[in-house]
Amino acid sequence: MTLYERTVSTSKKRGYSLKNLAIKAGLAENSIYDWKKSTPKADNLQKVADVLNVSTDYLLGRTDELNHDSSKKTADILDDETILAFDGMEIDEEDKEKLREYARFIMEQRKRGGK
């Protein structure tokens, strides 16, 4: 699949026409159609990838992984030192303990095979 074909396919999945995608990426309305015949500049490719929430490598066909996001943070909910928050506000201790109890329950279910 070519860069153009991947862009078309991904934009359809995301609900964008190529014209709307180009506008949202800050490009000329019909610029993505030119990708059938020529390779876009790296910064334009990145802008489109950002709008589609995929990696440039995905659009270029170098990977089938849509988006490798190394900026995602992981935290252990059962670690008492982890600060739990929702919508920008820290969760109070009573609710944190309820969440931890639920996490323990889910983990136990998985161990038993009950998912």
C-alpha atoms as a PDB file:
ATOM      1  CA  MET A   1       0.000   0.000   0.000  1.00  0.00           C
ATOM      2  CA  THR A   2       1.400   3.398  -0.958  1.00  0.00           C
ATOM      3  CA  LEU A   3       1.678   6.471   1.254  1.00  0.00           C
ATOM      4  CA  TYR A   4      -1.294   7.981  -0.547  1.00  0.00           C
ATOM      5  CA  GLU A   5      -3.397   4.825  -0.150  1.00  0.00           C
ATOM      6  CA  ARG A   6      -2.601   4.552   3.568  1.00  0.00           C
ATOM      7  CA  THR A   7      -3.469   8.198   4.060  1.00  0.00           C
ATOM      8  CA  VAL A   8      -6.784   7.774   2.235  1.00  0.00           C
ATOM      9  CA  SER A   9      -7.643   4.618   4.178  1.00  0.00           C
ATOM     10  CA  THR A  10      -6.736   6.083   7.567  1.00  0.00           C
ATOM     11  CA  SER A  11      -8.513   9.359   6.902  1.00  0.00           C
ATOM     12  CA  LYS A  12     -11.707   7.468   6.014  1.00  0.00           C
ATOM     13  CA  LYS A  13     -11.458   5.486   9.260  1.00  0.00           C
ATOM     14  CA  ARG A  14     -11.097   8.769  11.154  1.00  0.00           C
ATOM     15  CA  GLY A  15     -14.012  10.386   9.311  1.00  0.00           C
ATOM     16  CA  TYR A  16     -12.032  12.924   7.284  1.00  0.00           C
ATOM     17  CA  SER A  17     -12.154  13.663   3.605  1.00  0.00           C
ATOM     18  CA  LEU A  18      -8.721  14.373   2.152  1.00  0.00           C
ATOM     19  CA  LYS A  19      -9.687  18.004   1.732  1.00  0.00           C
ATOM     20  CA  ASN A  20     -10.753  18.327   5.394  1.00  0.00           C
ATOM     21  CA  LEU A  21      -7.666  16.445   6.537  1.00  0.00           C
ATOM     22  CA  ALA A  22      -5.405  18.812   4.612  1.00  0.00           C
ATOM     23  CA  ILE A  23      -7.158  21.871   6.036  1.00  0.00           C
ATOM     24  CA  LYS A  24      -7.002  20.502   9.581  1.00  0.00           C
ATOM     25  CA  ALA A  25      -3.276  19.813   9.086  1.00  0.00           C
ATOM     26  CA  GLY A  26      -2.734  23.374   7.870  1.00  0.00           C
ATOM     27  CA  LEU A  27      -2.001  22.383   4.281  1.00  0.00           C
ATOM     28  CA  ALA A  28      -3.475  23.512   0.985  1.00  0.00           C
ATOM     29  CA  GLU A  29      -6.878  21.908   0.352  1.00  0.00           C
ATOM     30  CA  ASN A  30      -5.794  19.572  -2.438  1.00  0.00           C
ATOM     31  CA  SER A  31      -2.190  18.999  -1.420  1.00  0.00           C
ATOM     32  CA  ILE A  32      -2.659  15.418  -0.245  1.00  0.00           C
ATOM     33  CA  TYR A  33      -3.921  14.420  -3.701  1.00  0.00           C
ATOM     34  CA  ASP A  34      -0.419  15.293  -4.970  1.00  0.00           C
ATOM     35  CA  TRP A  35       0.959  12.467  -2.823  1.00  0.00           C
ATOM     36  CA  LYS A  36      -0.197  10.053  -5.564  1.00  0.00           C
ATOM     37  CA  LYS A  37       2.727  11.271  -7.687  1.00  0.00           C
ATOM     38  CA  SER A  38       5.233  12.812  -5.290  1.00  0.00           C
ATOM     39  CA  THR A  39       6.533  12.437  -1.771  1.00  0.00           C
ATOM     40  CA  PRO A  40       5.490  15.172   0.657  1.00  0.00           C
ATOM     41  CA  LYS A  41       7.908  17.206   2.730  1.00  0.00           C
ATOM     42  CA  ALA A  42       8.658  15.601   6.077  1.00  0.00           C
ATOM     43  CA  ASP A  43       6.973  18.390   8.056  1.00  0.00           C
ATOM     44  CA  ASN A  44       3.766  18.099   5.996  1.00  0.00           C
ATOM     45  CA  LEU A  45       3.736  14.339   6.453  1.00  0.00           C
ATOM     46  CA  GLN A  46       4.142  14.840  10.222  1.00  0.00           C
ATOM     47  CA  LYS A  47       1.257  17.329  10.328  1.00  0.00           C
ATOM     48  CA  VAL A  48      -1.049  14.840   8.615  1.00  0.00           C
ATOM     49  CA  ALA A  49       0.128  11.990  10.842  1.00  0.00           C
ATOM     50  CA  ASP A  50      -0.564  14.135  13.922  1.00  0.00           C
ATOM     51  CA  VAL A  51      -4.121  14.879  12.789  1.00  0.00           C
ATOM     52  CA  LEU A  52      -4.715  11.182  12.096  1.00  0.00           C
ATOM     53  CA  ASN A  53      -3.016  10.172  15.359  1.00  0.00           C
ATOM     54  CA  VAL A  54      -0.679   7.762  13.615  1.00  0.00           C
ATOM     55  CA  SER A  55       3.064   7.648  13.155  1.00  0.00           C
ATOM     56  CA  THR A  56       4.744   8.802   9.980  1.00  0.00           C
ATOM     57  CA  ASP A  57       6.244   5.310   9.771  1.00  0.00           C
ATOM     58  CA  TYR A  58       2.707   3.908   9.586  1.00  0.00           C
ATOM     59  CA  LEU A  59       1.750   6.222   6.722  1.00  0.00           C
ATOM     60  CA  LEU A  60       4.994   5.375   4.926  1.00  0.00           C
ATOM     61  CA  GLY A  61       4.284   1.650   5.283  1.00  0.00           C
ATOM     62  CA  ARG A  62       7.306   0.969   7.486  1.00  0.00           C
ATOM     63  CA  THR A  63       5.119  -0.460  10.247  1.00  0.00           C
ATOM     64  CA  ASP A  64       1.586  -1.693  10.717  1.00  0.00           C
ATOM     65  CA  GLU A  65       1.483  -0.227  14.225  1.00  0.00           C
ATOM     66  CA  LEU A  66      -0.724   2.859  13.995  1.00  0.00           C
ATOM     67  CA  ASN A  67       1.005   4.929  16.626  1.00  0.00           C
ATOM     68  CA  HIS A  68       3.975   4.180  18.800  1.00  0.00           C
ATOM     69  CA  ASP A  69       3.466   6.548  21.705  1.00  0.00           C
ATOM     70  CA  SER A  70       6.372   6.384  24.106  1.00  0.00           C
ATOM     71  CA  SER A  71       5.002   9.344  26.039  1.00  0.00           C
ATOM     72  CA  LYS A  72       2.281   7.256  27.691  1.00  0.00           C
ATOM     73  CA  LYS A  73       2.772   6.990  31.398  1.00  0.00           C
ATOM     74  CA  THR A  74       2.168   3.895  33.446  1.00  0.00           C
ATOM     75  CA  ALA A  75       1.621   3.724  37.157  1.00  0.00           C
ATOM     76  CA  ASP A  76       0.823   0.950  39.561  1.00  0.00           C
ATOM     77  CA  ILE A  77      -2.565   1.713  41.098  1.00  0.00           C
ATOM     78  CA  LEU A  78      -1.702  -0.543  44.032  1.00  0.00           C
ATOM     79  CA  ASP A  79       1.388   1.507  44.893  1.00  0.00           C
ATOM     80  CA  ASP A  80       0.447   3.748  47.815  1.00  0.00           C
ATOM     81  CA  GLU A  81       2.940   6.343  46.576  1.00  0.00           C
ATOM     82  CA  THR A  82       1.146   6.725  43.240  1.00  0.00           C
ATOM     83  CA  ILE A  83      -0.897   9.908  43.077  1.00  0.00           C
ATOM     84  CA  LEU A  84      -4.277   9.093  41.589  1.00  0.00           C
ATOM     85  CA  ALA A  85      -6.158  11.909  39.912  1.00  0.00           C
ATOM     86  CA  PHE A  86      -9.172  12.395  37.708  1.00  0.00           C
ATOM     87  CA  ASP A  87      -9.945  15.424  35.582  1.00  0.00           C
ATOM     88  CA  GLY A  88      -6.950  17.226  37.046  1.00  0.00           C
ATOM     89  CA  MET A  89      -8.003  16.787  40.661  1.00  0.00           C
ATOM     90  CA  GLU A  90      -6.458  14.370  43.121  1.00  0.00           C
ATOM     91  CA  ILE A  91      -8.751  11.565  44.290  1.00  0.00           C
ATOM     92  CA  ASP A  92      -9.360  11.458  48.037  1.00  0.00           C
ATOM     93  CA  GLU A  93      -7.963   8.572  50.101  1.00  0.00           C
ATOM     94  CA  GLU A  94     -11.297   6.825  50.644  1.00  0.00           C
ATOM     95  CA  ASP A  95     -11.991   6.674  46.911  1.00  0.00           C
ATOM     96  CA  LYS A  96      -8.397   5.647  46.181  1.00  0.00           C
ATOM     97  CA  GLU A  97      -8.822   2.649  48.461  1.00  0.00           C
ATOM     98  CA  LYS A  98     -12.066   1.686  46.682  1.00  0.00           C
ATOM     99  CA  LEU A  99     -10.238   1.813  43.351  1.00  0.00           C
ATOM    100  CA  ARG A 100      -7.416  -0.294  44.750  1.00  0.00           C
ATOM    101  CA  GLU A 101      -9.912  -2.854  46.081  1.00  0.00           C
ATOM    102  CA  TYR A 102     -11.502  -3.074  42.665  1.00  0.00           C
ATOM    103  CA  ALA A 103      -8.074  -3.465  41.007  1.00  0.00           C
ATOM    104  CA  ARG A 104      -7.234  -6.297  43.403  1.00  0.00           C
ATOM    105  CA  PHE A 105     -10.586  -7.945  42.577  1.00  0.00           C
ATOM    106  CA  ILE A 106      -9.909  -7.707  38.818  1.00  0.00           C
ATOM    107  CA  MET A 107      -6.412  -9.150  39.250  1.00  0.00           C
ATOM    108  CA  GLU A 108      -7.785 -12.039  41.289  1.00  0.00           C
ATOM    109  CA  GLN A 109     -10.441 -12.739  38.646  1.00  0.00           C
ATOM    110  CA  ARG A 110      -7.786 -12.862  35.949  1.00  0.00           C
ATOM    111  CA  LYS A 111      -5.691 -15.267  37.986  1.00  0.00           C
ATOM    112  CA  ARG A 112      -8.704 -17.552  38.276  1.00  0.00           C
ATOM    113  CA  GLY A 113      -9.373 -17.325  34.555  1.00  0.00           C
ATOM    114  CA  GLY A 114     -12.634 -15.406  34.913  1.00  0.00           C
ATOM    115  CA  LYS A 115     -11.308 -12.279  33.187  1.00  0.00           C
END
